Amino acid sequence: MTVDPSNAPSASANVAAPQAYVATSSAELGRFSRPSKYAGFIAGLPKAELHVHHVGSASPRIVSELASRYPGAPVPTDPSKLAEYFTFSDFAHFIEVYLSVVDLIRDAEDVRTLTYEVARDMAALNIRYAELTVSPYSSIRRGIPGEQFMEAIEDARVSAERDLDLVLRWCFDIPGEAGIPAADVTLDAATRLAPAGLVSFGLGGPEIGVPRPQFKAHFDAARAAGLHSAPHAGETTGPQTVWDALQVLGAERIGHGTTSAQDPALLSYLAEHQIPLEVCPTSNIATRAVARLEDHPLSAFVAAGVPVSINSDDPPMFSTDLNHEYGVAAELLGLDESGLADLARNGVRHSFAPDDVKSRIVAEIDSYLNTHGR
């Protein structure tokens, strides 16, 4: 989920949905709070991540480094205290914490640091390819020139591929609650500034009160420029939001799509047209999109033949990472090492990576399974 600082609700605002962002507790996770019996296998498994946010991926280590640059900021500089700082009591508290992190990104060097350090954390999880959802509007509106922003993320991307064996690509994301002005800036960034790593055009933020069709012209223009369409839809609203993303925005992948399980016709359509859902199980619990992980519709998607990838969304803010999400998926779907390797292959195949990158990472997965599988 993307939140634009200039349009986010204040702590006293009456927020309609989601009801809360709360760090997922052991009681809520139940058996999923325990390390997966396949944790060792998952840790070494080459993976791709297709739904993960730029600022939302800032770990306590990264935030501590940024906070140390601005001593007057309210954010703690001690990483052990930051872990507690990322425990949210409700939605308004999440907004407060999120904005305090955004406020630490004040110039292009901060953007570069954030981006490269996020890539370093991804590489440590054996993520070989990632499509990072970036909201340039938030930084541009806060005074960082668009050209400098692009230079910073591109420098981090090139460095990550050279240093970390990680291919990064961008999805430029409209913070939907900021409306048409944000969409205009995001489209300009995507088409005029057009960084080399950009592959897709997205739409995030709260879904309630933000109808997808209002952004049709922006998605049409982005698609005409050669970008893929990958909006969020059906995270906290019903299946109609997913239909709108498909029929109006030309979605090739759906971010979340959680409520698609409520509409058999929609599931059939997604399966028939092989339109993947970017599933983020722990995030869906933290946002209260799903009450319990045991109730998550992931298994219903798979049973219906809908393509899925597993992702972490805003991992440090939801006390998770991609390896943990693979463990959750293994529990929900009853997967063994072979099934987990299939899940990893699907993440690669559903990506917008070049064919040679896909082939290379799938070959790495095959080799890893042959060596480390039972």
Foldseek 3Di string as FASTA:
>chain_A
DDDFLVQDDALPDDDDFDWWQFQDDCVQAPVLVDQFPCLVLQQQFAFEAEFAAQLLLQALQLLLVLCVVPVVQPQDNDSVVVLVQLGTPGHNSNSVSSVSSVVSQQELVSLLSSLLVSLVVCLSSNYQEYAYEYAVLNRVVNPYPLLSNLVSNVVSQVVSVVPRNHHYAYAHEQQQSVPDVSLVVSLCSCQVVNRPRYAAYEYDHDDVPRQPLSCLVSLVSNVVSPHAYEYEALLQDAQVRVVCCCPRNVHQEYEANQRLLVDLVSLLVQQVSQREYEHAQLSSCSRVSDVHSLPGCPQVSVVSRHQYAYHHNSPSSNVHHRSSRLSSVCVNNVDFLVVSLVNRLSSLVSDPDPPVSSVVSNVVSVVSCVVPPD
